[in-house]
Amino acid sequence: MIALEIAGGLALLLGWRVRLWAVLLGGFSLVSGVIFHLVPGLAAEGMAAQNDINHFLKNLAIAGGMGMLVAFGAGPLSLDRRAQVA
């Protein structure tokens, strides 16, 4: 999983196959948020529950950002756009 995050982050930074990597990272963020934050957060009490829900909402926001990349694609300086121009 660490390899997915590092490779995906670098691919997004460079703008290489942005839509594919955004789908993978967004899905990973949603799945890990549900497994590690939402489910335990619903069973916890007090500040622990609030902390887990906050982390789940953070993962949901990341997935939303990845959804924007899927919808709109890479920017003008990306490797994907340079390949289209050439």
PDB file of N, CA and C in Angstrom:
ATOM      1  N   MET A   1       0.808  -1.196   0.000  1.00  0.00           N
ATOM      2  CA  MET A   1       0.000   0.000   0.000  1.00  0.00           C
ATOM      3  C   MET A   1       0.856   1.266   0.000  1.00  0.00           C
ATOM      4  N   ILE A   2       1.989   1.184   0.654  1.00  0.00           N
ATOM      5  CA  ILE A   2       2.885   2.342   0.641  1.00  0.00           C
ATOM      6  C   ILE A   2       3.357   2.617  -0.779  1.00  0.00           C
ATOM      7  N   ALA A   3       3.632   1.545  -1.534  1.00  0.00           N
ATOM      8  CA  ALA A   3       4.074   1.707  -2.919  1.00  0.00           C
ATOM      9  C   ALA A   3       2.999   2.385  -3.759  1.00  0.00           C
ATOM     10  N   LEU A   4       1.732   2.032  -3.520  1.00  0.00           N
ATOM     11  CA  LEU A   4       0.627   2.673  -4.246  1.00  0.00           C
ATOM     12  C   LEU A   4       0.593   4.170  -3.957  1.00  0.00           C
ATOM     13  N   GLU A   5       0.758   4.534  -2.705  1.00  0.00           N
ATOM     14  CA  GLU A   5       0.699   5.954  -2.342  1.00  0.00           C
ATOM     15  C   GLU A   5       1.888   6.727  -2.904  1.00  0.00           C
ATOM     16  N   ILE A   6       3.077   6.147  -2.847  1.00  0.00           N
ATOM     17  CA  ILE A   6       4.262   6.843  -3.361  1.00  0.00           C
ATOM     18  C   ILE A   6       4.214   6.939  -4.878  1.00  0.00           C
ATOM     19  N   ALA A   7       3.953   5.810  -5.541  1.00  0.00           N
ATOM     20  CA  ALA A   7       3.905   5.813  -7.009  1.00  0.00           C
ATOM     21  C   ALA A   7       2.767   6.702  -7.508  1.00  0.00           C
ATOM     22  N   GLY A   8       1.613   6.605  -6.871  1.00  0.00           N
ATOM     23  CA  GLY A   8       0.476   7.428  -7.286  1.00  0.00           C
ATOM     24  C   GLY A   8       0.723   8.906  -7.067  1.00  0.00           C
ATOM     25  N   GLY A   9       1.333   9.247  -5.941  1.00  0.00           N
ATOM     26  CA  GLY A   9       1.648  10.653  -5.674  1.00  0.00           C
ATOM     27  C   GLY A   9       2.621  11.221  -6.685  1.00  0.00           C
ATOM     28  N   LEU A  10       3.646  10.448  -7.015  1.00  0.00           N
ATOM     29  CA  LEU A  10       4.620  10.903  -8.015  1.00  0.00           C
ATOM     30  C   LEU A  10       3.983  11.014  -9.391  1.00  0.00           C
ATOM     31  N   ALA A  11       3.130  10.048  -9.740  1.00  0.00           N
ATOM     32  CA  ALA A  11       2.452  10.096 -11.035  1.00  0.00           C
ATOM     33  C   ALA A  11       1.542  11.322 -11.129  1.00  0.00           C
ATOM     34  N   LEU A  12       0.833  11.626 -10.053  1.00  0.00           N
ATOM     35  CA  LEU A  12      -0.023  12.814 -10.065  1.00  0.00           C
ATOM     36  C   LEU A  12       0.807  14.087 -10.143  1.00  0.00           C
ATOM     37  N   LEU A  13       1.918  14.105  -9.425  1.00  0.00           N
ATOM     38  CA  LEU A  13       2.789  15.278  -9.441  1.00  0.00           C
ATOM     39  C   LEU A  13       3.317  15.555 -10.844  1.00  0.00           C
ATOM     40  N   LEU A  14       3.685  14.495 -11.545  1.00  0.00           N
ATOM     41  CA  LEU A  14       4.217  14.647 -12.898  1.00  0.00           C
ATOM     42  C   LEU A  14       3.121  14.757 -13.958  1.00  0.00           C
ATOM     43  N   GLY A  15       1.919  14.341 -13.605  1.00  0.00           N
ATOM     44  CA  GLY A  15       0.829  14.395 -14.568  1.00  0.00           C
ATOM     45  C   GLY A  15       0.844  13.237 -15.533  1.00  0.00           C
ATOM     46  N   TRP A  16       1.218  12.059 -15.055  1.00  0.00           N
ATOM     47  CA  TRP A  16       1.285  10.868 -15.903  1.00  0.00           C
ATOM     48  C   TRP A  16       0.130   9.942 -15.562  1.00  0.00           C
ATOM     49  N   ARG A  17      -0.751   9.682 -16.538  1.00  0.00           N
ATOM     50  CA  ARG A  17      -1.926   8.832 -16.360  1.00  0.00           C
ATOM     51  C   ARG A  17      -2.734   9.248 -15.130  1.00  0.00           C
ATOM     52  N   VAL A  18      -3.046  10.504 -15.102  1.00  0.00           N
ATOM     53  CA  VAL A  18      -3.667  11.127 -13.938  1.00  0.00           C
ATOM     54  C   VAL A  18      -5.012  10.493 -13.607  1.00  0.00           C
ATOM     55  N   ARG A  19      -5.833  10.254 -14.586  1.00  0.00           N
ATOM     56  CA  ARG A  19      -7.166   9.708 -14.303  1.00  0.00           C
ATOM     57  C   ARG A  19      -7.089   8.316 -13.682  1.00  0.00           C
ATOM     58  N   LEU A  20      -6.214   7.475 -14.196  1.00  0.00           N
ATOM     59  CA  LEU A  20      -6.056   6.133 -13.640  1.00  0.00           C
ATOM     60  C   LEU A  20      -5.579   6.186 -12.193  1.00  0.00           C
ATOM     61  N   TRP A  21      -4.535   6.959 -11.933  1.00  0.00           N
ATOM     62  CA  TRP A  21      -3.996   7.056 -10.584  1.00  0.00           C
ATOM     63  C   TRP A  21      -4.981   7.714  -9.628  1.00  0.00           C
ATOM     64  N   ALA A  22      -5.760   8.670 -10.115  1.00  0.00           N
ATOM     65  CA  ALA A  22      -6.747   9.322  -9.263  1.00  0.00           C
ATOM     66  C   ALA A  22      -7.843   8.338  -8.852  1.00  0.00           C
ATOM     67  N   VAL A  23      -8.262   7.470  -9.762  1.00  0.00           N
ATOM     68  CA  VAL A  23      -9.255   6.452  -9.418  1.00  0.00           C
ATOM     69  C   VAL A  23      -8.694   5.508  -8.364  1.00  0.00           C
ATOM     70  N   LEU A  24      -7.460   5.057  -8.567  1.00  0.00           N
ATOM     71  CA  LEU A  24      -6.847   4.134  -7.612  1.00  0.00           C
ATOM     72  C   LEU A  24      -6.672   4.775  -6.232  1.00  0.00           C
ATOM     73  N   LEU A  25      -6.147   5.986  -6.191  1.00  0.00           N
ATOM     74  CA  LEU A  25      -5.915   6.646  -4.910  1.00  0.00           C
ATOM     75  C   LEU A  25      -7.222   7.066  -4.237  1.00  0.00           C
ATOM     76  N   GLY A  26      -8.192   7.490  -5.003  1.00  0.00           N
ATOM     77  CA  GLY A  26      -9.487   7.847  -4.428  1.00  0.00           C
ATOM     78  C   GLY A  26     -10.199   6.632  -3.849  1.00  0.00           C
ATOM     79  N   GLY A  27     -10.149   5.531  -4.570  1.00  0.00           N
ATOM     80  CA  GLY A  27     -10.739   4.288  -4.052  1.00  0.00           C
ATOM     81  C   GLY A  27     -10.039   3.812  -2.800  1.00  0.00           C
ATOM     82  N   PHE A  28      -8.717   3.873  -2.806  1.00  0.00           N
ATOM     83  CA  PHE A  28      -7.941   3.488  -1.627  1.00  0.00           C
ATOM     84  C   PHE A  28      -8.285   4.369  -0.434  1.00  0.00           C
ATOM     85  N   SER A  29      -8.433   5.658  -0.679  1.00  0.00           N
ATOM     86  CA  SER A  29      -8.763   6.583   0.404  1.00  0.00           C
ATOM     87  C   SER A  29     -10.140   6.282   0.989  1.00  0.00           C
ATOM     88  N   LEU A  30     -11.118   5.991   0.139  1.00  0.00           N
ATOM     89  CA  LEU A  30     -12.453   5.658   0.633  1.00  0.00           C
ATOM     90  C   LEU A  30     -12.466   4.352   1.425  1.00  0.00           C
ATOM     91  N   VAL A  31     -11.833   3.315   0.861  1.00  0.00           N
ATOM     92  CA  VAL A  31     -11.829   2.016   1.523  1.00  0.00           C
ATOM     93  C   VAL A  31     -11.102   2.089   2.863  1.00  0.00           C
ATOM     94  N   SER A  32      -9.936   2.701   2.871  1.00  0.00           N
ATOM     95  CA  SER A  32      -9.187   2.789   4.127  1.00  0.00           C
ATOM     96  C   SER A  32      -9.908   3.677   5.141  1.00  0.00           C
ATOM     97  N   GLY A  33     -10.594   4.711   4.681  1.00  0.00           N
ATOM     98  CA  GLY A  33     -11.353   5.561   5.589  1.00  0.00           C
ATOM     99  C   GLY A  33     -12.490   4.816   6.260  1.00  0.00           C
ATOM    100  N   VAL A  34     -13.200   4.010   5.495  1.00  0.00           N
ATOM    101  CA  VAL A  34     -14.301   3.235   6.066  1.00  0.00           C
ATOM    102  C   VAL A  34     -13.776   2.187   7.042  1.00  0.00           C
ATOM    103  N   ILE A  35     -12.738   1.457   6.626  1.00  0.00           N
ATOM    104  CA  ILE A  35     -12.227   0.361   7.457  1.00  0.00           C
ATOM    105  C   ILE A  35     -11.572   0.868   8.734  1.00  0.00           C
ATOM    106  N   PHE A  36     -10.752   1.884   8.637  1.00  0.00           N
ATOM    107  CA  PHE A  36      -9.939   2.293   9.775  1.00  0.00           C
ATOM    108  C   PHE A  36     -10.497   3.463  10.574  1.00  0.00           C
ATOM    109  N   HIS A  37     -11.478   4.194  10.011  1.00  0.00           N
ATOM    110  CA  HIS A  37     -11.970   5.364  10.734  1.00  0.00           C
ATOM    111  C   HIS A  37     -13.477   5.346  10.968  1.00  0.00           C
ATOM    112  N   LEU A  38     -14.265   5.023   9.961  1.00  0.00           N
ATOM    113  CA  LEU A  38     -15.716   5.093  10.131  1.00  0.00           C
ATOM    114  C   LEU A  38     -16.235   3.983  11.036  1.00  0.00           C
ATOM    115  N   VAL A  39     -15.859   2.753  10.747  1.00  0.00           N
ATOM    116  CA  VAL A  39     -16.354   1.625  11.551  1.00  0.00           C
ATOM    117  C   VAL A  39     -15.896   1.732  13.004  1.00  0.00           C
ATOM    118  N   PRO A  40     -14.601   1.946  13.276  1.00  0.00           N
ATOM    119  CA  PRO A  40     -14.213   2.118  14.685  1.00  0.00           C
ATOM    120  C   PRO A  40     -14.800   3.378  15.319  1.00  0.00           C
ATOM    121  N   GLY A  41     -14.994   4.414  14.517  1.00  0.00           N
ATOM    122  CA  GLY A  41     -15.545   5.663  15.036  1.00  0.00           C
ATOM    123  C   GLY A  41     -16.978   5.518  15.501  1.00  0.00           C
ATOM    124  N   LEU A  42     -17.735   4.658  14.836  1.00  0.00           N
ATOM    125  CA  LEU A  42     -19.124   4.440  15.242  1.00  0.00           C
ATOM    126  C   LEU A  42     -19.208   3.645  16.544  1.00  0.00           C
ATOM    127  N   ALA A  43     -18.182   2.846  16.825  1.00  0.00           N
ATOM    128  CA  ALA A  43     -18.175   2.042  18.053  1.00  0.00           C
ATOM    129  C   ALA A  43     -17.516   2.773  19.218  1.00  0.00           C
ATOM    130  N   ALA A  44     -16.775   3.828  18.948  1.00  0.00           N
ATOM    131  CA  ALA A  44     -16.043   4.545  20.004  1.00  0.00           C
ATOM    132  C   ALA A  44     -16.954   5.559  20.687  1.00  0.00           C
ATOM    133  N   GLU A  45     -16.430   6.131  21.758  1.00  0.00           N
ATOM    134  CA  GLU A  45     -17.181   7.147  22.500  1.00  0.00           C
ATOM    135  C   GLU A  45     -16.309   8.370  22.727  1.00  0.00           C
ATOM    136  N   GLY A  46     -16.944   9.504  22.907  1.00  0.00           N
ATOM    137  CA  GLY A  46     -16.244  10.723  23.278  1.00  0.00           C
ATOM    138  C   GLY A  46     -15.302  11.240  22.208  1.00  0.00           C
ATOM    139  N   MET A  47     -14.134  11.700  22.667  1.00  0.00           N
ATOM    140  CA  MET A  47     -13.149  12.301  21.763  1.00  0.00           C
ATOM    141  C   MET A  47     -12.584  11.303  20.765  1.00  0.00           C
ATOM    142  N   ALA A  48     -12.523  10.031  21.133  1.00  0.00           N
ATOM    143  CA  ALA A  48     -12.029   9.017  20.197  1.00  0.00           C
ATOM    144  C   ALA A  48     -12.962   8.902  18.994  1.00  0.00           C
ATOM    145  N   ALA A  49     -14.256   8.947  19.238  1.00  0.00           N
ATOM    146  CA  ALA A  49     -15.223   8.889  18.147  1.00  0.00           C
ATOM    147  C   ALA A  49     -15.112  10.121  17.264  1.00  0.00           C
ATOM    148  N   GLN A  50     -14.981  11.290  17.876  1.00  0.00           N
ATOM    149  CA  GLN A  50     -14.855  12.527  17.108  1.00  0.00           C
ATOM    150  C   GLN A  50     -13.589  12.513  16.263  1.00  0.00           C
ATOM    151  N   ASN A  51     -12.495  12.019  16.830  1.00  0.00           N
ATOM    152  CA  ASN A  51     -11.233  11.942  16.101  1.00  0.00           C
ATOM    153  C   ASN A  51     -11.356  11.012  14.890  1.00  0.00           C
ATOM    154  N   ASP A  52     -11.965   9.849  15.079  1.00  0.00           N
ATOM    155  CA  ASP A  52     -12.128   8.918  13.963  1.00  0.00           C
ATOM    156  C   ASP A  52     -13.017   9.497  12.874  1.00  0.00           C
ATOM    157  N   ILE A  53     -14.093  10.155  13.244  1.00  0.00           N
ATOM    158  CA  ILE A  53     -14.987  10.743  12.243  1.00  0.00           C
ATOM    159  C   ILE A  53     -14.274  11.875  11.492  1.00  0.00           C
ATOM    160  N   ASN A  54     -13.477  12.671  12.191  1.00  0.00           N
ATOM    161  CA  ASN A  54     -12.707  13.724  11.518  1.00  0.00           C
ATOM    162  C   ASN A  54     -11.743  13.133  10.500  1.00  0.00           C
ATOM    163  N   HIS A  55     -11.090  12.043  10.860  1.00  0.00           N
ATOM    164  CA  HIS A  55     -10.165  11.400   9.921  1.00  0.00           C
ATOM    165  C   HIS A  55     -10.918  10.780   8.742  1.00  0.00           C
ATOM    166  N   PHE A  56     -12.099  10.242   8.996  1.00  0.00           N
ATOM    167  CA  PHE A  56     -12.902   9.722   7.886  1.00  0.00           C
ATOM    168  C   PHE A  56     -13.294  10.841   6.933  1.00  0.00           C
ATOM    169  N   LEU A  57     -13.699  11.980   7.472  1.00  0.00           N
ATOM    170  CA  LEU A  57     -14.077  13.114   6.621  1.00  0.00           C
ATOM    171  C   LEU A  57     -12.880  13.627   5.824  1.00  0.00           C
ATOM    172  N   LYS A  58     -11.679  13.556   6.414  1.00  0.00           N
ATOM    173  CA  LYS A  58     -10.464  13.927   5.687  1.00  0.00           C
ATOM    174  C   LYS A  58     -10.268  12.996   4.494  1.00  0.00           C
ATOM    175  N   ASN A  59     -10.436  11.689   4.710  1.00  0.00           N
ATOM    176  CA  ASN A  59     -10.298  10.727   3.618  1.00  0.00           C
ATOM    177  C   ASN A  59     -11.363  10.953   2.548  1.00  0.00           C
ATOM    178  N   LEU A  60     -12.575  11.309   2.973  1.00  0.00           N
ATOM    179  CA  LEU A  60     -13.643  11.595   2.024  1.00  0.00           C
ATOM    180  C   LEU A  60     -13.297  12.819   1.174  1.00  0.00           C
ATOM    181  N   ALA A  61     -12.690  13.834   1.775  1.00  0.00           N
ATOM    182  CA  ALA A  61     -12.276  15.027   1.035  1.00  0.00           C
ATOM    183  C   ALA A  61     -11.174  14.693   0.028  1.00  0.00           C
ATOM    184  N   ILE A  62     -10.243  13.836   0.418  1.00  0.00           N
ATOM    185  CA  ILE A  62      -9.194  13.406  -0.508  1.00  0.00           C
ATOM    186  C   ILE A  62      -9.818  12.681  -1.692  1.00  0.00           C
ATOM    187  N   ALA A  63     -10.760  11.796  -1.423  1.00  0.00           N
ATOM    188  CA  ALA A  63     -11.436  11.077  -2.507  1.00  0.00           C
ATOM    189  C   ALA A  63     -12.182  12.052  -3.424  1.00  0.00           C
ATOM    190  N   GLY A  64     -12.763  13.095  -2.849  1.00  0.00           N
ATOM    191  CA  GLY A  64     -13.425  14.112  -3.666  1.00  0.00           C
ATOM    192  C   GLY A  64     -12.449  14.847  -4.568  1.00  0.00           C
ATOM    193  N   GLY A  65     -11.266  15.156  -4.044  1.00  0.00           N
ATOM    194  CA  GLY A  65     -10.229  15.781  -4.868  1.00  0.00           C
ATOM    195  C   GLY A  65      -9.780  14.873  -5.999  1.00  0.00           C
ATOM    196  N   MET A  66      -9.678  13.588  -5.695  1.00  0.00           N
ATOM    197  CA  MET A  66      -9.315  12.631  -6.747  1.00  0.00           C
ATOM    198  C   MET A  66     -10.430  12.541  -7.792  1.00  0.00           C
ATOM    199  N   GLY A  67     -11.667  12.673  -7.348  1.00  0.00           N
ATOM    200  CA  GLY A  67     -12.787  12.691  -8.288  1.00  0.00           C
ATOM    201  C   GLY A  67     -12.720  13.877  -9.232  1.00  0.00           C
ATOM    202  N   MET A  68     -12.275  15.019  -8.737  1.00  0.00           N
ATOM    203  CA  MET A  68     -12.098  16.189  -9.609  1.00  0.00           C
ATOM    204  C   MET A  68     -11.024  15.913 -10.661  1.00  0.00           C
ATOM    205  N   LEU A  69      -9.938  15.243 -10.246  1.00  0.00           N
ATOM    206  CA  LEU A  69      -8.900  14.907 -11.223  1.00  0.00           C
ATOM    207  C   LEU A  69      -9.418  13.927 -12.267  1.00  0.00           C
ATOM    208  N   VAL A  70     -10.254  12.979 -11.845  1.00  0.00           N
ATOM    209  CA  VAL A  70     -10.841  12.044 -12.805  1.00  0.00           C
ATOM    210  C   VAL A  70     -11.726  12.800 -13.790  1.00  0.00           C
ATOM    211  N   ALA A  71     -12.511  13.741 -13.291  1.00  0.00           N
ATOM    212  CA  ALA A  71     -13.446  14.478 -14.143  1.00  0.00           C
ATOM    213  C   ALA A  71     -12.745  15.419 -15.115  1.00  0.00           C
ATOM    214  N   PHE A  72     -11.725  16.138 -14.633  1.00  0.00           N
ATOM    215  CA  PHE A  72     -11.123  17.191 -15.450  1.00  0.00           C
ATOM    216  C   PHE A  72      -9.764  16.830 -16.027  1.00  0.00           C
ATOM    217  N   GLY A  73      -9.130  15.793 -15.533  1.00  0.00           N
ATOM    218  CA  GLY A  73      -7.843  15.375 -16.074  1.00  0.00           C
ATOM    219  C   GLY A  73      -6.686  16.222 -15.596  1.00  0.00           C
ATOM    220  N   ALA A  74      -5.587  16.068 -16.280  1.00  0.00           N
ATOM    221  CA  ALA A  74      -4.337  16.727 -15.903  1.00  0.00           C
ATOM    222  C   ALA A  74      -4.304  18.174 -16.387  1.00  0.00           C
ATOM    223  N   GLY A  75      -3.422  18.939 -15.793  1.00  0.00           N
ATOM    224  CA  GLY A  75      -3.256  20.338 -16.159  1.00  0.00           C
ATOM    225  C   GLY A  75      -2.420  20.516 -17.415  1.00  0.00           C
ATOM    226  N   PRO A  76      -2.214  21.763 -17.844  1.00  0.00           N
ATOM    227  CA  PRO A  76      -1.518  22.024 -19.100  1.00  0.00           C
ATOM    228  C   PRO A  76      -0.028  21.673 -19.077  1.00  0.00           C
ATOM    229  N   LEU A  77       0.593  21.594 -17.922  1.00  0.00           N
ATOM    230  CA  LEU A  77       2.018  21.277 -17.856  1.00  0.00           C
ATOM    231  C   LEU A  77       2.300  19.799 -17.606  1.00  0.00           C
ATOM    232  N   SER A  78       1.302  18.961 -17.634  1.00  0.00           N
ATOM    233  CA  SER A  78       1.456  17.549 -17.303  1.00  0.00           C
ATOM    234  C   SER A  78       2.069  16.763 -18.459  1.00  0.00           C
ATOM    235  N   LEU A  79       2.584  15.596 -18.123  1.00  0.00           N
ATOM    236  CA  LEU A  79       3.129  14.703 -19.155  1.00  0.00           C
ATOM    237  C   LEU A  79       2.024  14.211 -20.089  1.00  0.00           C
ATOM    238  N   ASP A  80       0.821  14.026 -19.569  1.00  0.00           N
ATOM    239  CA  ASP A  80      -0.302  13.603 -20.411  1.00  0.00           C
ATOM    240  C   ASP A  80      -0.602  14.629 -21.492  1.00  0.00           C
ATOM    241  N   ARG A  81      -0.616  15.897 -21.154  1.00  0.00           N
ATOM    242  CA  ARG A  81      -0.902  16.953 -22.143  1.00  0.00           C
ATOM    243  C   ARG A  81       0.237  17.106 -23.131  1.00  0.00           C
ATOM    244  N   ARG A  82       1.482  16.965 -22.660  1.00  0.00           N
ATOM    245  CA  ARG A  82       2.624  17.066 -23.580  1.00  0.00           C
ATOM    246  C   ARG A  82       2.598  15.946 -24.604  1.00  0.00           C
ATOM    247  N   ALA A  83       2.145  14.759 -24.201  1.00  0.00           N
ATOM    248  CA  ALA A  83       2.058  13.636 -25.133  1.00  0.00           C
ATOM    249  C   ALA A  83       0.985  13.880 -26.186  1.00  0.00           C
ATOM    250  N   GLN A  84      -0.109  14.586 -25.838  1.00  0.00           N
ATOM    251  CA  GLN A  84      -1.167  14.887 -26.795  1.00  0.00           C
ATOM    252  C   GLN A  84      -0.714  15.911 -27.825  1.00  0.00           C
ATOM    253  N   VAL A  85       0.110  16.854 -27.407  1.00  0.00           N
ATOM    254  CA  VAL A  85       0.561  17.921 -28.296  1.00  0.00           C
ATOM    255  C   VAL A  85       1.571  17.400 -29.312  1.00  0.00           C
ATOM    256  N   ALA A  86       2.433  16.502 -28.857  1.00  0.00           N
ATOM    257  CA  ALA A  86       3.510  16.015 -29.724  1.00  0.00           C
ATOM    258  C   ALA A  86       3.039  15.107 -30.811  1.00  0.00           C
TER     259      ALA A  86
END
